[in-house]
PDB file of all heavy atoms in Angstrom:
ATOM      1  N   LEU A   1      -0.349  -4.587  -5.218  1.00  0.00           N
ATOM      2  CA  LEU A   1      -1.237  -5.657  -4.783  1.00  0.00           C
ATOM      3  C   LEU A   1      -1.219  -5.720  -3.270  1.00  0.00           C
ATOM      4  O   LEU A   1      -0.156  -5.666  -2.652  1.00  0.00           O
ATOM      5  CB  LEU A   1      -0.791  -6.993  -5.382  1.00  0.00           C
ATOM      6  CG  LEU A   1      -1.602  -8.239  -4.983  1.00  0.00           C
ATOM      7  CD1 LEU A   1      -1.714  -9.206  -6.152  1.00  0.00           C
ATOM      8  CD2 LEU A   1      -0.951  -8.960  -3.783  1.00  0.00           C
ATOM      9  N   LEU A   2      -2.407  -5.853  -2.675  1.00  0.00           N
ATOM     10  CA  LEU A   2      -2.557  -5.931  -1.225  1.00  0.00           C
ATOM     11  C   LEU A   2      -3.348  -7.178  -0.866  1.00  0.00           C
ATOM     12  O   LEU A   2      -4.336  -7.506  -1.532  1.00  0.00           O
ATOM     13  CB  LEU A   2      -3.288  -4.703  -0.684  1.00  0.00           C
ATOM     14  CG  LEU A   2      -2.686  -3.324  -0.969  1.00  0.00           C
ATOM     15  CD1 LEU A   2      -3.663  -2.232  -0.566  1.00  0.00           C
ATOM     16  CD2 LEU A   2      -1.369  -3.154  -0.222  1.00  0.00           C
ATOM     17  N   SER A   3      -2.935  -7.858   0.188  1.00  0.00           N
ATOM     18  CA  SER A   3      -3.728  -8.966   0.698  1.00  0.00           C
ATOM     19  C   SER A   3      -4.889  -8.413   1.515  1.00  0.00           C
ATOM     20  O   SER A   3      -4.925  -7.220   1.848  1.00  0.00           O
ATOM     21  CB  SER A   3      -2.863  -9.878   1.566  1.00  0.00           C
ATOM     22  OG  SER A   3      -2.514  -9.208   2.778  1.00  0.00           O
ATOM     23  N   ARG A   4      -5.822  -9.273   1.863  1.00  0.00           N
ATOM     24  CA  ARG A   4      -6.940  -8.822   2.699  1.00  0.00           C
ATOM     25  C   ARG A   4      -6.440  -8.323   4.050  1.00  0.00           C
ATOM     26  O   ARG A   4      -6.987  -7.376   4.608  1.00  0.00           O
ATOM     27  CB  ARG A   4      -7.938  -9.978   2.854  1.00  0.00           C
ATOM     28  CG  ARG A   4      -9.134  -9.709   3.769  1.00  0.00           C
ATOM     29  CD  ARG A   4      -9.848  -8.409   3.500  1.00  0.00           C
ATOM     30  NE  ARG A   4     -10.189  -8.206   2.102  1.00  0.00           N
ATOM     31  CZ  ARG A   4     -10.777  -7.109   1.641  1.00  0.00           C
ATOM     32  NH1 ARG A   4     -11.034  -6.097   2.460  1.00  0.00           N
ATOM     33  NH2 ARG A   4     -11.060  -6.976   0.362  1.00  0.00           N
ATOM     34  N   THR A   5      -5.378  -8.939   4.569  1.00  0.00           N
ATOM     35  CA  THR A   5      -4.792  -8.465   5.832  1.00  0.00           C
ATOM     36  C   THR A   5      -4.306  -7.034   5.705  1.00  0.00           C
ATOM     37  O   THR A   5      -4.531  -6.200   6.592  1.00  0.00           O
ATOM     38  CB  THR A   5      -3.620  -9.379   6.245  1.00  0.00           C
ATOM     39  OG1 THR A   5      -4.099 -10.707   6.447  1.00  0.00           O
ATOM     40  CG2 THR A   5      -2.959  -8.879   7.519  1.00  0.00           C
ATOM     41  N   ALA A   6      -3.632  -6.722   4.598  1.00  0.00           N
ATOM     42  CA  ALA A   6      -3.127  -5.369   4.384  1.00  0.00           C
ATOM     43  C   ALA A   6      -4.271  -4.380   4.210  1.00  0.00           C
ATOM     44  O   ALA A   6      -4.232  -3.266   4.756  1.00  0.00           O
ATOM     45  CB  ALA A   6      -2.213  -5.336   3.164  1.00  0.00           C
ATOM     46  N   VAL A   7      -5.301  -4.762   3.456  1.00  0.00           N
ATOM     47  CA  VAL A   7      -6.441  -3.866   3.246  1.00  0.00           C
ATOM     48  C   VAL A   7      -7.135  -3.571   4.569  1.00  0.00           C
ATOM     49  O   VAL A   7      -7.461  -2.421   4.873  1.00  0.00           O
ATOM     50  CB  VAL A   7      -7.433  -4.475   2.239  1.00  0.00           C
ATOM     51  CG1 VAL A   7      -8.704  -3.626   2.154  1.00  0.00           C
ATOM     52  CG2 VAL A   7      -6.788  -4.591   0.864  1.00  0.00           C
ATOM     53  N   ASN A   8      -7.353  -4.600   5.376  1.00  0.00           N
ATOM     54  CA  ASN A   8      -7.999  -4.383   6.671  1.00  0.00           C
ATOM     55  C   ASN A   8      -7.154  -3.483   7.565  1.00  0.00           C
ATOM     56  O   ASN A   8      -7.685  -2.656   8.319  1.00  0.00           O
ATOM     57  CB  ASN A   8      -8.252  -5.719   7.368  1.00  0.00           C
ATOM     58  CG  ASN A   8      -9.320  -6.544   6.675  1.00  0.00           C
ATOM     59  OD1 ASN A   8     -10.136  -6.009   5.920  1.00  0.00           O
ATOM     60  ND2 ASN A   8      -9.328  -7.840   6.918  1.00  0.00           N
ATOM     61  N   GLY A   9      -5.837  -3.646   7.486  1.00  0.00           N
ATOM     62  CA  GLY A   9      -4.958  -2.778   8.260  1.00  0.00           C
ATOM     63  C   GLY A   9      -5.081  -1.323   7.843  1.00  0.00           C
ATOM     64  O   GLY A   9      -5.100  -0.414   8.687  1.00  0.00           O
ATOM     65  N   LEU A  10      -5.188  -1.066   6.538  1.00  0.00           N
ATOM     66  CA  LEU A  10      -5.347   0.303   6.045  1.00  0.00           C
ATOM     67  C   LEU A  10      -6.704   0.880   6.427  1.00  0.00           C
ATOM     68  O   LEU A  10      -6.814   2.053   6.802  1.00  0.00           O
ATOM     69  CB  LEU A  10      -5.184   0.326   4.520  1.00  0.00           C
ATOM     70  CG  LEU A  10      -3.780   0.032   3.989  1.00  0.00           C
ATOM     71  CD1 LEU A  10      -3.809  -0.091   2.467  1.00  0.00           C
ATOM     72  CD2 LEU A  10      -2.790   1.112   4.412  1.00  0.00           C
ATOM     73  N   VAL A  11      -7.747   0.060   6.341  1.00  0.00           N
ATOM     74  CA  VAL A  11      -9.092   0.533   6.671  1.00  0.00           C
ATOM     75  C   VAL A  11      -9.181   0.934   8.144  1.00  0.00           C
ATOM     76  O   VAL A  11      -9.896   1.875   8.502  1.00  0.00           O
ATOM     77  CB  VAL A  11     -10.133  -0.561   6.341  1.00  0.00           C
ATOM     78  CG1 VAL A  11     -11.504  -0.205   6.913  1.00  0.00           C
ATOM     79  CG2 VAL A  11     -10.232  -0.750   4.829  1.00  0.00           C
ATOM     80  N   ASP A  12      -8.445   0.243   8.997  1.00  0.00           N
ATOM     81  CA  ASP A  12      -8.497   0.526  10.430  1.00  0.00           C
ATOM     82  C   ASP A  12      -7.714   1.768  10.835  1.00  0.00           C
ATOM     83  O   ASP A  12      -7.843   2.231  11.973  1.00  0.00           O
ATOM     84  CB  ASP A  12      -7.965  -0.677  11.224  1.00  0.00           C
ATOM     85  CG  ASP A  12      -8.915  -1.867  11.167  1.00  0.00           C
ATOM     86  OD1 ASP A  12     -10.114  -1.648  10.898  1.00  0.00           O
ATOM     87  OD2 ASP A  12      -8.455  -3.004  11.385  1.00  0.00           O
ATOM     88  N   LEU A  13      -6.903   2.299   9.938  1.00  0.00           N
ATOM     89  CA  LEU A  13      -6.101   3.474  10.294  1.00  0.00           C
ATOM     90  C   LEU A  13      -6.965   4.734  10.287  1.00  0.00           C
ATOM     91  O   LEU A  13      -7.743   4.952   9.363  1.00  0.00           O
ATOM     92  CB  LEU A  13      -4.946   3.654   9.306  1.00  0.00           C
ATOM     93  CG  LEU A  13      -3.842   2.595   9.352  1.00  0.00           C
ATOM     94  CD1 LEU A  13      -2.821   2.853   8.258  1.00  0.00           C
ATOM     95  CD2 LEU A  13      -3.159   2.586  10.711  1.00  0.00           C
ATOM     96  N   PRO A  14      -6.842   5.598  11.295  1.00  0.00           N
ATOM     97  CA  PRO A  14      -7.664   6.824  11.371  1.00  0.00           C
ATOM     98  C   PRO A  14      -7.074   7.966  10.562  1.00  0.00           C
ATOM     99  O   PRO A  14      -6.806   9.053  11.085  1.00  0.00           O
ATOM    100  CB  PRO A  14      -7.666   7.137  12.869  1.00  0.00           C
ATOM    101  CG  PRO A  14      -6.328   6.652  13.333  1.00  0.00           C
ATOM    102  CD  PRO A  14      -6.011   5.435  12.498  1.00  0.00           C
ATOM    103  N   GLU A  15      -6.855   7.739   9.267  1.00  0.00           N
ATOM    104  CA  GLU A  15      -6.225   8.750   8.423  1.00  0.00           C
ATOM    105  C   GLU A  15      -7.277   9.603   7.727  1.00  0.00           C
ATOM    106  O   GLU A  15      -8.187   9.079   7.086  1.00  0.00           O
ATOM    107  CB  GLU A  15      -5.337   8.086   7.368  1.00  0.00           C
ATOM    108  CG  GLU A  15      -4.081   7.448   7.927  1.00  0.00           C
ATOM    109  CD  GLU A  15      -3.046   8.479   8.360  1.00  0.00           C
ATOM    110  OE1 GLU A  15      -2.950   9.530   7.714  1.00  0.00           O
ATOM    111  OE2 GLU A  15      -2.351   8.204   9.343  1.00  0.00           O
ATOM    112  N   HIS A  16      -7.146  10.928   7.837  1.00  0.00           N
ATOM    113  CA  HIS A  16      -8.032  11.838   7.130  1.00  0.00           C
ATOM    114  C   HIS A  16      -7.444  12.274   5.795  1.00  0.00           C
ATOM    115  O   HIS A  16      -8.171  12.619   4.870  1.00  0.00           O
ATOM    116  CB  HIS A  16      -8.328  13.073   7.988  1.00  0.00           C
ATOM    117  CG  HIS A  16      -9.718  13.102   8.529  1.00  0.00           C
ATOM    118  ND1 HIS A  16     -10.129  12.269   9.535  1.00  0.00           N
ATOM    119  CD2 HIS A  16     -10.805  13.828   8.180  1.00  0.00           C
ATOM    120  CE1 HIS A  16     -11.409  12.499   9.809  1.00  0.00           C
ATOM    121  NE2 HIS A  16     -11.840  13.434   8.995  1.00  0.00           N
ATOM    122  N   LEU A  17      -6.121  12.293   5.708  1.00  0.00           N
ATOM    123  CA  LEU A  17      -5.443  12.674   4.474  1.00  0.00           C
ATOM    124  C   LEU A  17      -4.475  11.555   4.103  1.00  0.00           C
ATOM    125  O   LEU A  17      -3.261  11.691   4.245  1.00  0.00           O
ATOM    126  CB  LEU A  17      -4.701  14.010   4.660  1.00  0.00           C
ATOM    127  CG  LEU A  17      -5.576  15.226   4.989  1.00  0.00           C
ATOM    128  CD1 LEU A  17      -4.707  16.422   5.362  1.00  0.00           C
ATOM    129  CD2 LEU A  17      -6.464  15.582   3.805  1.00  0.00           C
ATOM    130  N   PRO A  18      -4.994  10.435   3.614  1.00  0.00           N
ATOM    131  CA  PRO A  18      -4.127   9.275   3.369  1.00  0.00           C
ATOM    132  C   PRO A  18      -3.197   9.477   2.178  1.00  0.00           C
ATOM    133  O   PRO A  18      -3.574  10.062   1.173  1.00  0.00           O
ATOM    134  CB  PRO A  18      -5.129   8.149   3.095  1.00  0.00           C
ATOM    135  CG  PRO A  18      -6.323   8.849   2.524  1.00  0.00           C
ATOM    136  CD  PRO A  18      -6.394  10.175   3.232  1.00  0.00           C
ATOM    137  N   VAL A  19      -1.982   8.988   2.315  1.00  0.00           N
ATOM    138  CA  VAL A  19      -1.027   8.898   1.210  1.00  0.00           C
ATOM    139  C   VAL A  19      -0.558   7.447   1.209  1.00  0.00           C
ATOM    140  O   VAL A  19       0.315   7.053   1.980  1.00  0.00           O
ATOM    141  CB  VAL A  19       0.164   9.858   1.392  1.00  0.00           C
ATOM    142  CG1 VAL A  19       1.118   9.747   0.208  1.00  0.00           C
ATOM    143  CG2 VAL A  19      -0.318  11.294   1.533  1.00  0.00           C
ATOM    144  N   TYR A  20      -1.161   6.632   0.352  1.00  0.00           N
ATOM    145  CA  TYR A  20      -0.994   5.191   0.462  1.00  0.00           C
ATOM    146  C   TYR A  20       0.403   4.709   0.111  1.00  0.00           C
ATOM    147  O   TYR A  20       0.835   3.658   0.589  1.00  0.00           O
ATOM    148  CB  TYR A  20      -2.040   4.486  -0.396  1.00  0.00           C
ATOM    149  CG  TYR A  20      -3.407   4.555   0.229  1.00  0.00           C
ATOM    150  CD1 TYR A  20      -4.390   5.403  -0.275  1.00  0.00           C
ATOM    151  CD2 TYR A  20      -3.709   3.803   1.357  1.00  0.00           C
ATOM    152  CE1 TYR A  20      -5.636   5.493   0.325  1.00  0.00           C
ATOM    153  CE2 TYR A  20      -4.953   3.880   1.959  1.00  0.00           C
ATOM    154  CZ  TYR A  20      -5.911   4.724   1.442  1.00  0.00           C
ATOM    155  OH  TYR A  20      -7.140   4.812   2.047  1.00  0.00           O
ATOM    156  N   ARG A  21       1.124   5.447  -0.700  1.00  0.00           N
ATOM    157  CA  ARG A  21       2.487   5.016  -1.018  1.00  0.00           C
ATOM    158  C   ARG A  21       3.392   5.111   0.212  1.00  0.00           C
ATOM    159  O   ARG A  21       4.497   4.547   0.201  1.00  0.00           O
ATOM    160  CB  ARG A  21       3.038   5.826  -2.184  1.00  0.00           C
ATOM    161  CG  ARG A  21       3.194   7.303  -1.957  1.00  0.00           C
ATOM    162  CD  ARG A  21       3.505   8.014  -3.260  1.00  0.00           C
ATOM    163  NE  ARG A  21       2.381   7.950  -4.191  1.00  0.00           N
ATOM    164  CZ  ARG A  21       2.449   8.368  -5.455  1.00  0.00           C
ATOM    165  NH1 ARG A  21       3.570   8.858  -5.931  1.00  0.00           N
ATOM    166  NH2 ARG A  21       1.389   8.301  -6.237  1.00  0.00           N
ATOM    167  N   LEU A  22       2.934   5.799   1.257  1.00  0.00           N
ATOM    168  CA  LEU A  22       3.671   5.854   2.522  1.00  0.00           C
ATOM    169  C   LEU A  22       2.991   5.018   3.600  1.00  0.00           C
ATOM    170  O   LEU A  22       3.664   4.417   4.445  1.00  0.00           O
ATOM    171  CB  LEU A  22       3.792   7.306   2.996  1.00  0.00           C
ATOM    172  CG  LEU A  22       4.420   8.293   2.017  1.00  0.00           C
ATOM    173  CD1 LEU A  22       4.540   9.663   2.652  1.00  0.00           C
ATOM    174  CD2 LEU A  22       5.782   7.812   1.548  1.00  0.00           C
ATOM    175  N   LEU A  23       1.656   4.973   3.592  1.00  0.00           N
ATOM    176  CA  LEU A  23       0.931   4.202   4.593  1.00  0.00           C
ATOM    177  C   LEU A  23       1.193   2.705   4.452  1.00  0.00           C
ATOM    178  O   LEU A  23       1.340   1.998   5.451  1.00  0.00           O
ATOM    179  CB  LEU A  23      -0.572   4.459   4.464  1.00  0.00           C
ATOM    180  CG  LEU A  23      -1.133   5.708   5.140  1.00  0.00           C
ATOM    181  CD1 LEU A  23      -2.622   5.841   4.852  1.00  0.00           C
ATOM    182  CD2 LEU A  23      -0.889   5.673   6.641  1.00  0.00           C
ATOM    183  N   VAL A  24       1.229   2.219   3.227  1.00  0.00           N
ATOM    184  CA  VAL A  24       1.405   0.779   3.018  1.00  0.00           C
ATOM    185  C   VAL A  24       2.753   0.297   3.564  1.00  0.00           C
ATOM    186  O   VAL A  24       2.805  -0.693   4.311  1.00  0.00           O
ATOM    187  CB  VAL A  24       1.235   0.427   1.524  1.00  0.00           C
ATOM    188  CG1 VAL A  24       1.606  -1.023   1.269  1.00  0.00           C
ATOM    189  CG2 VAL A  24      -0.207   0.687   1.085  1.00  0.00           C
ATOM    190  N   PRO A  25       3.893   0.954   3.247  1.00  0.00           N
ATOM    191  CA  PRO A  25       5.154   0.509   3.860  1.00  0.00           C
ATOM    192  C   PRO A  25       5.152   0.651   5.378  1.00  0.00           C
ATOM    193  O   PRO A  25       5.802  -0.125   6.082  1.00  0.00           O
ATOM    194  CB  PRO A  25       6.206   1.425   3.218  1.00  0.00           C
ATOM    195  CG  PRO A  25       5.584   1.894   1.952  1.00  0.00           C
ATOM    196  CD  PRO A  25       4.125   2.003   2.236  1.00  0.00           C
ATOM    197  N   TRP A  26       4.412   1.654   5.890  1.00  0.00           N
ATOM    198  CA  TRP A  26       4.362   1.880   7.340  1.00  0.00           C
ATOM    199  C   TRP A  26       3.778   0.679   8.071  1.00  0.00           C
ATOM    200  O   TRP A  26       4.139   0.407   9.228  1.00  0.00           O
ATOM    201  CB  TRP A  26       3.542   3.133   7.631  1.00  0.00           C
ATOM    202  CG  TRP A  26       3.425   3.460   9.092  1.00  0.00           C
ATOM    203  CD1 TRP A  26       4.278   4.223   9.843  1.00  0.00           C
ATOM    204  CD2 TRP A  26       2.383   3.024   9.990  1.00  0.00           C
ATOM    205  NE1 TRP A  26       3.839   4.292  11.142  1.00  0.00           N
ATOM    206  CE2 TRP A  26       2.677   3.555  11.260  1.00  0.00           C
ATOM    207  CE3 TRP A  26       1.255   2.238   9.837  1.00  0.00           C
ATOM    208  CZ2 TRP A  26       1.869   3.331  12.370  1.00  0.00           C
ATOM    209  CZ3 TRP A  26       0.442   2.007  10.943  1.00  0.00           C
ATOM    210  CH2 TRP A  26       0.754   2.551  12.192  1.00  0.00           C
ATOM    211  N   LEU A  27       2.888  -0.084   7.430  1.00  0.00           N
ATOM    212  CA  LEU A  27       2.285  -1.249   8.071  1.00  0.00           C
ATOM    213  C   LEU A  27       3.324  -2.294   8.450  1.00  0.00           C
ATOM    214  O   LEU A  27       3.118  -3.083   9.378  1.00  0.00           O
ATOM    215  CB  LEU A  27       1.237  -1.874   7.151  1.00  0.00           C
ATOM    216  CG  LEU A  27      -0.035  -1.059   6.889  1.00  0.00           C
ATOM    217  CD1 LEU A  27      -0.892  -1.754   5.847  1.00  0.00           C
ATOM    218  CD2 LEU A  27      -0.815  -0.839   8.179  1.00  0.00           C
ATOM    219  N   GLY A  28       4.432  -2.334   7.712  1.00  0.00           N
ATOM    220  CA  GLY A  28       5.499  -3.277   8.033  1.00  0.00           C
ATOM    221  C   GLY A  28       5.191  -4.718   7.694  1.00  0.00           C
ATOM    222  O   GLY A  28       5.777  -5.642   8.263  1.00  0.00           O
ATOM    223  N   LEU A  29       4.296  -4.951   6.753  1.00  0.00           N
ATOM    224  CA  LEU A  29       3.932  -6.304   6.355  1.00  0.00           C
ATOM    225  C   LEU A  29       4.942  -6.869   5.354  1.00  0.00           C
ATOM    226  O   LEU A  29       5.639  -6.111   4.680  1.00  0.00           O
ATOM    227  CB  LEU A  29       2.524  -6.297   5.742  1.00  0.00           C
ATOM    228  CG  LEU A  29       1.387  -5.904   6.694  1.00  0.00           C
ATOM    229  CD1 LEU A  29       0.093  -5.703   5.918  1.00  0.00           C
ATOM    230  CD2 LEU A  29       1.206  -6.956   7.777  1.00  0.00           C
ATOM    231  N   PRO A  30       5.028  -8.192   5.237  1.00  0.00           N
ATOM    232  CA  PRO A  30       5.935  -8.793   4.239  1.00  0.00           C
ATOM    233  C   PRO A  30       5.603  -8.287   2.844  1.00  0.00           C
ATOM    234  O   PRO A  30       4.448  -8.328   2.407  1.00  0.00           O
ATOM    235  CB  PRO A  30       5.645 -10.296   4.368  1.00  0.00           C
ATOM    236  CG  PRO A  30       5.099 -10.468   5.751  1.00  0.00           C
ATOM    237  CD  PRO A  30       4.337  -9.211   6.049  1.00  0.00           C
ATOM    238  N   SER A  31       6.596  -7.778   2.154  1.00  0.00           N
ATOM    239  CA  SER A  31       6.351  -7.146   0.861  1.00  0.00           C
ATOM    240  C   SER A  31       7.422  -7.519  -0.149  1.00  0.00           C
ATOM    241  O   SER A  31       8.525  -7.939   0.211  1.00  0.00           O
ATOM    242  CB  SER A  31       6.295  -5.620   1.008  1.00  0.00           C
ATOM    243  OG  SER A  31       7.532  -5.116   1.481  1.00  0.00           O
ATOM    244  N   GLY A  32       7.076  -7.356  -1.411  1.00  0.00           N
ATOM    245  CA  GLY A  32       8.008  -7.589  -2.500  1.00  0.00           C
ATOM    246  C   GLY A  32       7.802  -6.547  -3.581  1.00  0.00           C
ATOM    247  O   GLY A  32       6.946  -5.656  -3.453  1.00  0.00           O
ATOM    248  N   GLU A  33       8.555  -6.663  -4.652  1.00  0.00           N
ATOM    249  CA  GLU A  33       8.493  -5.684  -5.730  1.00  0.00           C
ATOM    250  C   GLU A  33       8.481  -6.378  -7.081  1.00  0.00           C
ATOM    251  O   GLU A  33       9.096  -7.439  -7.243  1.00  0.00           O
ATOM    252  CB  GLU A  33       9.687  -4.723  -5.663  1.00  0.00           C
ATOM    253  CG  GLU A  33       9.760  -3.893  -4.395  1.00  0.00           C
ATOM    254  CD  GLU A  33      10.982  -2.977  -4.378  1.00  0.00           C
ATOM    255  OE1 GLU A  33      11.735  -2.984  -5.386  1.00  0.00           O
ATOM    256  OE2 GLU A  33      11.174  -2.273  -3.375  1.00  0.00           O
ATOM    257  N   VAL A  34       7.771  -5.785  -8.005  1.00  0.00           N
ATOM    258  CA  VAL A  34       7.773  -6.217  -9.395  1.00  0.00           C
ATOM    259  C   VAL A  34       8.088  -5.002 -10.252  1.00  0.00           C
ATOM    260  O   VAL A  34       7.395  -3.992 -10.170  1.00  0.00           O
ATOM    261  CB  VAL A  34       6.419  -6.825  -9.811  1.00  0.00           C
ATOM    262  CG1 VAL A  34       6.381  -7.058 -11.309  1.00  0.00           C
ATOM    263  CG2 VAL A  34       6.165  -8.132  -9.066  1.00  0.00           C
ATOM    264  N   ALA A  35       9.140  -5.091 -11.052  1.00  0.00           N
ATOM    265  CA  ALA A  35       9.562  -3.965 -11.885  1.00  0.00           C
ATOM    266  C   ALA A  35       8.817  -3.989 -13.216  1.00  0.00           C
ATOM    267  O   ALA A  35       8.471  -5.055 -13.735  1.00  0.00           O
ATOM    268  CB  ALA A  35      11.059  -4.010 -12.122  1.00  0.00           C
ATOM    269  N   TYR A  36       8.559  -2.810 -13.744  1.00  0.00           N
ATOM    270  CA  TYR A  36       7.904  -2.707 -15.045  1.00  0.00           C
ATOM    271  C   TYR A  36       8.312  -1.397 -15.708  1.00  0.00           C
ATOM    272  O   TYR A  36       8.817  -0.477 -15.043  1.00  0.00           O
ATOM    273  CB  TYR A  36       6.379  -2.778 -14.902  1.00  0.00           C
ATOM    274  CG  TYR A  36       5.754  -1.599 -14.180  1.00  0.00           C
ATOM    275  CD1 TYR A  36       5.252  -0.505 -14.877  1.00  0.00           C
ATOM    276  CD2 TYR A  36       5.665  -1.579 -12.792  1.00  0.00           C
ATOM    277  CE1 TYR A  36       4.680   0.572 -14.225  1.00  0.00           C
ATOM    278  CE2 TYR A  36       5.101  -0.507 -12.132  1.00  0.00           C
ATOM    279  CZ  TYR A  36       4.608   0.557 -12.845  1.00  0.00           C
ATOM    280  OH  TYR A  36       4.047   1.632 -12.182  1.00  0.00           O
ATOM    281  N   VAL A  37       8.082  -1.322 -16.993  1.00  0.00           N
ATOM    282  CA  VAL A  37       8.387  -0.118 -17.764  1.00  0.00           C
ATOM    283  C   VAL A  37       7.134   0.739 -17.827  1.00  0.00           C
ATOM    284  O   VAL A  37       6.081   0.277 -18.266  1.00  0.00           O
ATOM    285  CB  VAL A  37       8.857  -0.474 -19.185  1.00  0.00           C
ATOM    286  CG1 VAL A  37       9.095   0.794 -20.005  1.00  0.00           C
ATOM    287  CG2 VAL A  37      10.126  -1.317 -19.126  1.00  0.00           C
ATOM    288  N   ARG A  38       7.241   1.955 -17.384  1.00  0.00           N
ATOM    289  CA  ARG A  38       6.100   2.862 -17.390  1.00  0.00           C
ATOM    290  C   ARG A  38       5.815   3.310 -18.820  1.00  0.00           C
ATOM    291  O   ARG A  38       6.713   3.756 -19.532  1.00  0.00           O
ATOM    292  CB  ARG A  38       6.382   4.070 -16.503  1.00  0.00           C
ATOM    293  CG  ARG A  38       5.183   5.003 -16.314  1.00  0.00           C
ATOM    294  CD  ARG A  38       5.468   5.934 -15.155  1.00  0.00           C
ATOM    295  NE  ARG A  38       4.497   7.006 -15.014  1.00  0.00           N
ATOM    296  CZ  ARG A  38       3.334   6.885 -14.394  1.00  0.00           C
ATOM    297  NH1 ARG A  38       2.999   5.718 -13.863  1.00  0.00           N
ATOM    298  NH2 ARG A  38       2.511   7.900 -14.276  1.00  0.00           N
ATOM    299  N   GLU A  39       4.556   3.208 -19.207  1.00  0.00           N
ATOM    300  CA  GLU A  39       4.167   3.531 -20.572  1.00  0.00           C
ATOM    301  C   GLU A  39       3.591   4.944 -20.660  1.00  0.00           C
ATOM    302  O   GLU A  39       3.338   5.598 -19.641  1.00  0.00           O
ATOM    303  CB  GLU A  39       3.126   2.506 -21.056  1.00  0.00           C
ATOM    304  CG  GLU A  39       3.628   1.068 -21.016  1.00  0.00           C
ATOM    305  CD  GLU A  39       2.567   0.079 -21.457  1.00  0.00           C
ATOM    306  OE1 GLU A  39       1.505   0.518 -21.956  1.00  0.00           O
ATOM    307  OE2 GLU A  39       2.783  -1.133 -21.296  1.00  0.00           O
ATOM    308  N   LYS A  40       3.368   5.390 -21.873  1.00  0.00           N
ATOM    309  CA  LYS A  40       2.726   6.685 -22.068  1.00  0.00           C
ATOM    310  C   LYS A  40       1.236   6.562 -21.795  1.00  0.00           C
ATOM    311  O   LYS A  40       0.650   5.485 -21.934  1.00  0.00           O
ATOM    312  CB  LYS A  40       2.953   7.180 -23.501  1.00  0.00           C
ATOM    313  CG  LYS A  40       4.388   7.551 -23.813  1.00  0.00           C
ATOM    314  CD  LYS A  40       4.510   8.131 -25.216  1.00  0.00           C
ATOM    315  CE  LYS A  40       5.940   8.555 -25.520  1.00  0.00           C
ATOM    316  NZ  LYS A  40       6.076   9.118 -26.888  1.00  0.00           N
ATOM    317  N   ARG A  41       0.646   7.674 -21.399  1.00  0.00           N
ATOM    318  CA  ARG A  41      -0.804   7.680 -21.187  1.00  0.00           C
ATOM    319  C   ARG A  41      -1.495   7.318 -22.494  1.00  0.00           C
ATOM    320  O   ARG A  41      -1.186   7.882 -23.544  1.00  0.00           O
ATOM    321  CB  ARG A  41      -1.240   9.065 -20.697  1.00  0.00           C
ATOM    322  CG  ARG A  41      -2.719   9.299 -20.687  1.00  0.00           C
ATOM    323  CD  ARG A  41      -3.069  10.650 -20.102  1.00  0.00           C
ATOM    324  NE  ARG A  41      -3.390  10.531 -18.692  1.00  0.00           N
ATOM    325  CZ  ARG A  41      -4.580  10.221 -18.217  1.00  0.00           C
ATOM    326  NH1 ARG A  41      -5.566   9.960 -19.060  1.00  0.00           N
ATOM    327  NH2 ARG A  41      -4.815  10.154 -16.928  1.00  0.00           N
TER     328      ARG A  41
END
């Protein structure tokens, strides 16, 4: 989940080959975690 602030921050980045699982933590915004059990496809 991303707030509008986080989305705008990502949109402003000049990334040609984005990897969001790394870009999002790079923003350094307040973040939390929710654990879940991964299901089968």
